[in-house]
């Protein structure tokens, strides 16, 4: 049986992280790894108190955190690594759908969000994601949600991804690397709810994501 490791990137997620950890424990994951971007709130304390493995990332940004995880954690080929954000926007109840698709022979799985828009900011982010996903579909093949933060990987697949992203262009990098490496890829619907705590995503990040997609296609 593969070990299931949950990877949770964080930056000042003291509001959402307790719910994320509780949900993952309810799914009986084998290990929770919190990759923290040097939070100034109680995020690190919450991770330690709940028995999580804590990795302090080098540099700033979500992509930098993921690269720190890859560099500092001993990946095992046959284990499953499920990444989800630490803001409680993703449902841990969807985790079995992701691991089932890994069991079925896929190397990488992404969760396509079923969006519940409650604010103008939500609608703004949804529009940006739609435009970015349309661009990806034109450059590669149809994917409805490029910017999802819910992913599943086999360890053997993770070792093949040459991630260069430092920020919120991480997801675009994951997708383009998956395509370029010819890995077996599947998408599954997941539930998405408003985040707890302050969003760090801005229009500037959208520009970086577009650049990453274009570079990934033509580099």
C-alpha atoms as a PDB file:
ATOM      1  CA  UNK A   1       0.000   0.000   0.000  1.00  0.00           C
ATOM      2  CA  UNK A   2       1.393   3.423  -0.895  1.00  0.00           C
ATOM      3  CA  UNK A   3       1.836   5.942   1.877  1.00  0.00           C
ATOM      4  CA  UNK A   4      -0.348   9.037   1.452  1.00  0.00           C
ATOM      5  CA  UNK A   5       1.435  12.290   2.270  1.00  0.00           C
ATOM      6  CA  UNK A   6      -0.532  15.551   2.350  1.00  0.00           C
ATOM      7  CA  UNK A   7       1.506  18.631   1.414  1.00  0.00           C
ATOM      8  CA  UNK A   8       0.069  21.932   2.644  1.00  0.00           C
ATOM      9  CA  UNK A   9       1.731  25.206   1.544  1.00  0.00           C
ATOM     10  CA  UNK A  10       1.096  28.044   4.000  1.00  0.00           C
ATOM     11  CA  UNK A  11       1.713  31.724   4.598  1.00  0.00           C
ATOM     12  CA  UNK A  12      -0.146  33.206   7.572  1.00  0.00           C
ATOM     13  CA  UNK A  13      -2.930  30.606   7.490  1.00  0.00           C
ATOM     14  CA  UNK A  14      -3.749  30.418  11.203  1.00  0.00           C
ATOM     15  CA  UNK A  15      -7.471  30.739  10.427  1.00  0.00           C
ATOM     16  CA  UNK A  16      -7.743  27.952   7.888  1.00  0.00           C
ATOM     17  CA  UNK A  17      -4.978  25.516   8.818  1.00  0.00           C
ATOM     18  CA  UNK A  18      -6.689  23.892  11.853  1.00  0.00           C
ATOM     19  CA  UNK A  19      -9.660  22.871   9.697  1.00  0.00           C
ATOM     20  CA  UNK A  20      -7.359  21.584   6.951  1.00  0.00           C
ATOM     21  CA  UNK A  21      -5.390  19.443   9.399  1.00  0.00           C
ATOM     22  CA  UNK A  22      -8.545  18.082  11.036  1.00  0.00           C
ATOM     23  CA  UNK A  23      -9.995  17.183   7.647  1.00  0.00           C
ATOM     24  CA  UNK A  24      -6.840  15.409   6.526  1.00  0.00           C
ATOM     25  CA  UNK A  25      -6.647  13.440   9.759  1.00  0.00           C
ATOM     26  CA  UNK A  26     -10.256  12.373   9.191  1.00  0.00           C
ATOM     27  CA  UNK A  27      -9.114  10.950   5.841  1.00  0.00           C
ATOM     28  CA  UNK A  28      -6.382   8.981   7.649  1.00  0.00           C
ATOM     29  CA  UNK A  29      -3.460  10.321   5.642  1.00  0.00           C
ATOM     30  CA  UNK A  30      -0.139   8.911   6.775  1.00  0.00           C
ATOM     31  CA  UNK A  31       1.669  12.230   7.105  1.00  0.00           C
ATOM     32  CA  UNK A  32       0.874  15.936   6.872  1.00  0.00           C
ATOM     33  CA  UNK A  33       3.731  18.138   5.684  1.00  0.00           C
ATOM     34  CA  UNK A  34       3.230  21.872   6.192  1.00  0.00           C
ATOM     35  CA  UNK A  35       5.541  23.903   3.963  1.00  0.00           C
ATOM     36  CA  UNK A  36       5.585  27.363   5.474  1.00  0.00           C
ATOM     37  CA  UNK A  37       6.691  30.598   3.829  1.00  0.00           C
ATOM     38  CA  UNK A  38       7.915  32.153   7.097  1.00  0.00           C
ATOM     39  CA  UNK A  39       4.536  33.057   8.555  1.00  0.00           C
ATOM     40  CA  UNK A  40       4.322  35.794  11.160  1.00  0.00           C
ATOM     41  CA  UNK A  41       1.145  34.470  12.784  1.00  0.00           C
ATOM     42  CA  UNK A  42       0.538  31.157  14.610  1.00  0.00           C
ATOM     43  CA  UNK A  43       0.696  28.930  11.517  1.00  0.00           C
ATOM     44  CA  UNK A  44       3.943  27.189  12.496  1.00  0.00           C
ATOM     45  CA  UNK A  45       2.773  26.711  16.079  1.00  0.00           C
ATOM     46  CA  UNK A  46      -0.461  25.104  14.838  1.00  0.00           C
ATOM     47  CA  UNK A  47       1.477  22.742  12.570  1.00  0.00           C
ATOM     48  CA  UNK A  48       3.804  21.612  15.349  1.00  0.00           C
ATOM     49  CA  UNK A  49       1.019  21.263  17.911  1.00  0.00           C
ATOM     50  CA  UNK A  50      -0.901  18.966  15.578  1.00  0.00           C
ATOM     51  CA  UNK A  51       2.016  16.665  14.850  1.00  0.00           C
ATOM     52  CA  UNK A  52       2.692  17.836  11.298  1.00  0.00           C
ATOM     53  CA  UNK A  53       6.084  17.712   9.653  1.00  0.00           C
ATOM     54  CA  UNK A  54       7.132  21.352   9.243  1.00  0.00           C
ATOM     55  CA  UNK A  55       9.378  22.493   6.402  1.00  0.00           C
ATOM     56  CA  UNK A  56      10.483  26.129   6.339  1.00  0.00           C
ATOM     57  CA  UNK A  57      10.803  27.205   2.735  1.00  0.00           C
ATOM     58  CA  UNK A  58      13.707  29.038   1.143  1.00  0.00           C
ATOM     59  CA  UNK A  59      12.701  32.225  -0.659  1.00  0.00           C
ATOM     60  CA  UNK A  60       9.259  33.724  -1.114  1.00  0.00           C
ATOM     61  CA  UNK A  61       6.228  32.438  -2.993  1.00  0.00           C
ATOM     62  CA  UNK A  62       4.217  29.247  -3.402  1.00  0.00           C
ATOM     63  CA  UNK A  63       6.505  27.884  -6.097  1.00  0.00           C
ATOM     64  CA  UNK A  64       9.550  28.476  -3.921  1.00  0.00           C
ATOM     65  CA  UNK A  65       7.813  26.554  -1.160  1.00  0.00           C
ATOM     66  CA  UNK A  66       7.101  23.599  -3.424  1.00  0.00           C
ATOM     67  CA  UNK A  67      10.708  23.523  -4.605  1.00  0.00           C
ATOM     68  CA  UNK A  68      11.819  23.574  -0.966  1.00  0.00           C
ATOM     69  CA  UNK A  69       9.589  20.573  -0.310  1.00  0.00           C
ATOM     70  CA  UNK A  70      11.093  18.676  -3.244  1.00  0.00           C
ATOM     71  CA  UNK A  71      14.611  19.515  -2.058  1.00  0.00           C
ATOM     72  CA  UNK A  72      14.142  18.786   1.642  1.00  0.00           C
ATOM     73  CA  UNK A  73      11.728  15.834   1.689  1.00  0.00           C
ATOM     74  CA  UNK A  74      12.819  12.281   0.843  1.00  0.00           C
ATOM     75  CA  UNK A  75      10.364  11.359  -1.920  1.00  0.00           C
ATOM     76  CA  UNK A  76       9.502   7.699  -2.400  1.00  0.00           C
ATOM     77  CA  UNK A  77       8.553   6.484  -5.878  1.00  0.00           C
ATOM     78  CA  UNK A  78       5.506   4.443  -4.871  1.00  0.00           C
ATOM     79  CA  UNK A  79       3.994   6.896  -2.382  1.00  0.00           C
ATOM     80  CA  UNK A  80       1.235   9.409  -3.132  1.00  0.00           C
ATOM     81  CA  UNK A  81       1.644  13.131  -2.499  1.00  0.00           C
ATOM     82  CA  UNK A  82      -1.519  15.224  -2.340  1.00  0.00           C
ATOM     83  CA  UNK A  83      -1.130  19.003  -2.274  1.00  0.00           C
ATOM     84  CA  UNK A  84      -3.885  21.348  -1.140  1.00  0.00           C
ATOM     85  CA  UNK A  85      -3.894  24.919   0.120  1.00  0.00           C
ATOM     86  CA  UNK A  86      -3.879  25.728   3.826  1.00  0.00           C
ATOM     87  CA  UNK A  87      -6.813  28.154   3.680  1.00  0.00           C
ATOM     88  CA  UNK A  88      -9.613  25.548   4.022  1.00  0.00           C
ATOM     89  CA  UNK A  89     -10.938  26.278   0.525  1.00  0.00           C
ATOM     90  CA  UNK A  90     -10.565  22.647  -0.597  1.00  0.00           C
ATOM     91  CA  UNK A  91     -12.546  19.743   0.868  1.00  0.00           C
ATOM     92  CA  UNK A  92     -10.485  16.918   2.328  1.00  0.00           C
ATOM     93  CA  UNK A  93     -13.438  14.654   1.499  1.00  0.00           C
ATOM     94  CA  UNK A  94     -12.334  14.851  -2.147  1.00  0.00           C
ATOM     95  CA  UNK A  95      -8.935  13.339  -1.377  1.00  0.00           C
ATOM     96  CA  UNK A  96     -10.068   9.707  -1.948  1.00  0.00           C
ATOM     97  CA  UNK A  97     -11.124  10.611  -5.504  1.00  0.00           C
ATOM     98  CA  UNK A  98      -7.608  11.828  -6.216  1.00  0.00           C
ATOM     99  CA  UNK A  99      -5.864   8.806  -4.701  1.00  0.00           C
ATOM    100  CA  UNK A 100      -8.263   6.449  -6.522  1.00  0.00           C
ATOM    101  CA  UNK A 101      -7.145   7.926  -9.846  1.00  0.00           C
ATOM    102  CA  UNK A 102      -3.517   7.423  -8.825  1.00  0.00           C
ATOM    103  CA  UNK A 103      -4.409   3.823  -7.947  1.00  0.00           C
ATOM    104  CA  UNK A 104      -5.870   3.496 -11.457  1.00  0.00           C
ATOM    105  CA  UNK A 105      -2.474   4.142 -13.024  1.00  0.00           C
ATOM    106  CA  UNK A 106      -2.328   7.911 -13.444  1.00  0.00           C
ATOM    107  CA  UNK A 107       0.850   9.774 -12.524  1.00  0.00           C
ATOM    108  CA  UNK A 108      -0.643  13.216 -11.852  1.00  0.00           C
ATOM    109  CA  UNK A 109      -4.192  14.245 -10.902  1.00  0.00           C
ATOM    110  CA  UNK A 110      -5.607  17.759 -10.609  1.00  0.00           C
ATOM    111  CA  UNK A 111      -8.855  18.807  -8.970  1.00  0.00           C
ATOM    112  CA  UNK A 112     -11.115  20.950 -11.134  1.00  0.00           C
ATOM    113  CA  UNK A 113     -12.973  23.333  -8.854  1.00  0.00           C
ATOM    114  CA  UNK A 114     -16.741  23.540  -8.634  1.00  0.00           C
ATOM    115  CA  UNK A 115     -16.850  27.235  -7.795  1.00  0.00           C
ATOM    116  CA  UNK A 116     -19.218  28.897  -5.338  1.00  0.00           C
ATOM    117  CA  UNK A 117     -18.888  32.625  -6.053  1.00  0.00           C
ATOM    118  CA  UNK A 118     -19.876  34.836  -3.133  1.00  0.00           C
ATOM    119  CA  UNK A 119     -17.998  38.104  -3.749  1.00  0.00           C
ATOM    120  CA  UNK A 120     -16.805  40.352  -6.566  1.00  0.00           C
ATOM    121  CA  UNK A 121     -13.252  39.173  -5.796  1.00  0.00           C
ATOM    122  CA  UNK A 122     -14.371  35.563  -6.332  1.00  0.00           C
ATOM    123  CA  UNK A 123     -15.861  36.486  -9.708  1.00  0.00           C
ATOM    124  CA  UNK A 124     -12.674  38.372 -10.654  1.00  0.00           C
ATOM    125  CA  UNK A 125     -10.485  35.394  -9.815  1.00  0.00           C
ATOM    126  CA  UNK A 126     -12.845  33.047 -11.667  1.00  0.00           C
ATOM    127  CA  UNK A 127     -12.646  35.189 -14.812  1.00  0.00           C
ATOM    128  CA  UNK A 128      -8.862  35.251 -14.631  1.00  0.00           C
ATOM    129  CA  UNK A 129      -8.731  31.481 -14.201  1.00  0.00           C
ATOM    130  CA  UNK A 130     -11.091  31.022 -17.161  1.00  0.00           C
ATOM    131  CA  UNK A 131      -8.874  33.126 -19.427  1.00  0.00           C
ATOM    132  CA  UNK A 132      -5.712  31.351 -18.268  1.00  0.00           C
ATOM    133  CA  UNK A 133      -7.321  27.922 -18.691  1.00  0.00           C
ATOM    134  CA  UNK A 134      -8.485  28.870 -22.193  1.00  0.00           C
ATOM    135  CA  UNK A 135      -4.918  29.832 -23.095  1.00  0.00           C
ATOM    136  CA  UNK A 136      -3.604  26.524 -21.758  1.00  0.00           C
ATOM    137  CA  UNK A 137      -6.226  24.647 -23.787  1.00  0.00           C
ATOM    138  CA  UNK A 138      -5.056  26.414 -26.942  1.00  0.00           C
ATOM    139  CA  UNK A 139      -1.383  25.726 -26.228  1.00  0.00           C
ATOM    140  CA  UNK A 140      -1.690  22.137 -24.977  1.00  0.00           C
ATOM    141  CA  UNK A 141      -5.075  20.439 -24.536  1.00  0.00           C
ATOM    142  CA  UNK A 142      -8.333  21.221 -22.797  1.00  0.00           C
ATOM    143  CA  UNK A 143      -8.100  21.799 -19.038  1.00  0.00           C
ATOM    144  CA  UNK A 144     -10.873  23.750 -17.314  1.00  0.00           C
ATOM    145  CA  UNK A 145      -8.958  24.801 -14.186  1.00  0.00           C
ATOM    146  CA  UNK A 146      -5.261  25.534 -14.571  1.00  0.00           C
ATOM    147  CA  UNK A 147      -4.989  27.433 -11.279  1.00  0.00           C
ATOM    148  CA  UNK A 148      -6.362  24.765  -8.964  1.00  0.00           C
ATOM    149  CA  UNK A 149      -4.460  24.209  -5.730  1.00  0.00           C
ATOM    150  CA  UNK A 150      -5.551  20.555  -5.331  1.00  0.00           C
ATOM    151  CA  UNK A 151      -3.131  18.019  -6.829  1.00  0.00           C
ATOM    152  CA  UNK A 152      -2.098  14.403  -6.510  1.00  0.00           C
ATOM    153  CA  UNK A 153       1.224  12.917  -7.617  1.00  0.00           C
ATOM    154  CA  UNK A 154       3.017   9.638  -7.531  1.00  0.00           C
ATOM    155  CA  UNK A 155       6.481  10.089  -6.088  1.00  0.00           C
ATOM    156  CA  UNK A 156       8.039   8.735  -9.269  1.00  0.00           C
ATOM    157  CA  UNK A 157       6.259  11.455 -11.268  1.00  0.00           C
ATOM    158  CA  UNK A 158       7.252  14.262  -8.908  1.00  0.00           C
ATOM    159  CA  UNK A 159      10.902  13.384  -9.430  1.00  0.00           C
ATOM    160  CA  UNK A 160      10.492  14.062 -13.163  1.00  0.00           C
ATOM    161  CA  UNK A 161       9.048  17.577 -12.803  1.00  0.00           C
ATOM    162  CA  UNK A 162      11.713  20.257 -13.258  1.00  0.00           C
ATOM    163  CA  UNK A 163       9.859  23.032 -11.446  1.00  0.00           C
ATOM    164  CA  UNK A 164      11.186  26.566 -11.926  1.00  0.00           C
ATOM    165  CA  UNK A 165       8.214  28.615 -10.669  1.00  0.00           C
ATOM    166  CA  UNK A 166       8.660  30.742  -7.561  1.00  0.00           C
ATOM    167  CA  UNK A 167       5.165  32.149  -7.076  1.00  0.00           C
ATOM    168  CA  UNK A 168       1.546  31.442  -8.041  1.00  0.00           C
ATOM    169  CA  UNK A 169       2.759  30.332 -11.466  1.00  0.00           C
ATOM    170  CA  UNK A 170       3.463  26.987  -9.769  1.00  0.00           C
ATOM    171  CA  UNK A 171       0.278  25.332 -11.035  1.00  0.00           C
ATOM    172  CA  UNK A 172       0.979  26.400 -14.621  1.00  0.00           C
ATOM    173  CA  UNK A 173       4.468  24.963 -14.239  1.00  0.00           C
ATOM    174  CA  UNK A 174       3.100  21.683 -12.882  1.00  0.00           C
ATOM    175  CA  UNK A 175       0.753  21.318 -15.848  1.00  0.00           C
ATOM    176  CA  UNK A 176       3.249  22.229 -18.544  1.00  0.00           C
ATOM    177  CA  UNK A 177       5.875  19.926 -17.024  1.00  0.00           C
ATOM    178  CA  UNK A 178       3.327  17.109 -16.840  1.00  0.00           C
ATOM    179  CA  UNK A 179       2.531  17.544 -20.530  1.00  0.00           C
ATOM    180  CA  UNK A 180       6.168  17.826 -21.601  1.00  0.00           C
ATOM    181  CA  UNK A 181       7.151  14.708 -19.648  1.00  0.00           C
ATOM    182  CA  UNK A 182       4.292  12.696 -21.164  1.00  0.00           C
ATOM    183  CA  UNK A 183       2.964  11.693 -17.754  1.00  0.00           C
ATOM    184  CA  UNK A 184      -0.435  10.059 -17.366  1.00  0.00           C
ATOM    185  CA  UNK A 185      -2.740  12.862 -16.265  1.00  0.00           C
ATOM    186  CA  UNK A 186      -6.346  12.960 -15.104  1.00  0.00           C
ATOM    187  CA  UNK A 187      -8.741  15.640 -13.822  1.00  0.00           C
ATOM    188  CA  UNK A 188     -11.479  15.126 -11.237  1.00  0.00           C
ATOM    189  CA  UNK A 189     -14.117  17.586  -9.954  1.00  0.00           C
ATOM    190  CA  UNK A 190     -13.531  18.946  -6.447  1.00  0.00           C
ATOM    191  CA  UNK A 191     -15.500  21.273  -4.219  1.00  0.00           C
ATOM    192  CA  UNK A 192     -14.173  24.778  -3.643  1.00  0.00           C
ATOM    193  CA  UNK A 193     -15.325  27.201  -0.947  1.00  0.00           C
ATOM    194  CA  UNK A 194     -14.328  30.753   0.034  1.00  0.00           C
ATOM    195  CA  UNK A 195     -10.940  30.797   1.712  1.00  0.00           C
ATOM    196  CA  UNK A 196     -10.397  31.585   5.384  1.00  0.00           C
ATOM    197  CA  UNK A 197      -7.975  34.461   5.813  1.00  0.00           C
ATOM    198  CA  UNK A 198      -6.521  36.976   3.392  1.00  0.00           C
ATOM    199  CA  UNK A 199      -5.829  36.097  -0.248  1.00  0.00           C
ATOM    200  CA  UNK A 200      -2.303  36.684  -1.582  1.00  0.00           C
ATOM    201  CA  UNK A 201      -3.243  36.386  -5.281  1.00  0.00           C
ATOM    202  CA  UNK A 202      -3.071  39.554  -7.408  1.00  0.00           C
ATOM    203  CA  UNK A 203      -3.321  40.522 -11.088  1.00  0.00           C
ATOM    204  CA  UNK A 204       0.482  40.579 -11.222  1.00  0.00           C
ATOM    205  CA  UNK A 205       0.486  36.863 -10.501  1.00  0.00           C
ATOM    206  CA  UNK A 206      -1.864  36.331 -13.451  1.00  0.00           C
ATOM    207  CA  UNK A 207       0.704  37.859 -15.787  1.00  0.00           C
ATOM    208  CA  UNK A 208       3.395  35.531 -14.420  1.00  0.00           C
ATOM    209  CA  UNK A 209       1.114  32.534 -14.983  1.00  0.00           C
ATOM    210  CA  UNK A 210       0.537  33.494 -18.629  1.00  0.00           C
ATOM    211  CA  UNK A 211       4.285  33.903 -19.175  1.00  0.00           C
ATOM    212  CA  UNK A 212       4.919  30.489 -17.624  1.00  0.00           C
ATOM    213  CA  UNK A 213       2.386  28.824 -19.943  1.00  0.00           C
ATOM    214  CA  UNK A 214       3.836  30.393 -23.080  1.00  0.00           C
ATOM    215  CA  UNK A 215       7.411  29.601 -22.046  1.00  0.00           C
ATOM    216  CA  UNK A 216       6.410  26.045 -21.154  1.00  0.00           C
ATOM    217  CA  UNK A 217       4.918  25.511 -24.600  1.00  0.00           C
ATOM    218  CA  UNK A 218       7.647  27.007 -26.745  1.00  0.00           C
ATOM    219  CA  UNK A 219      10.827  26.656 -24.666  1.00  0.00           C
END
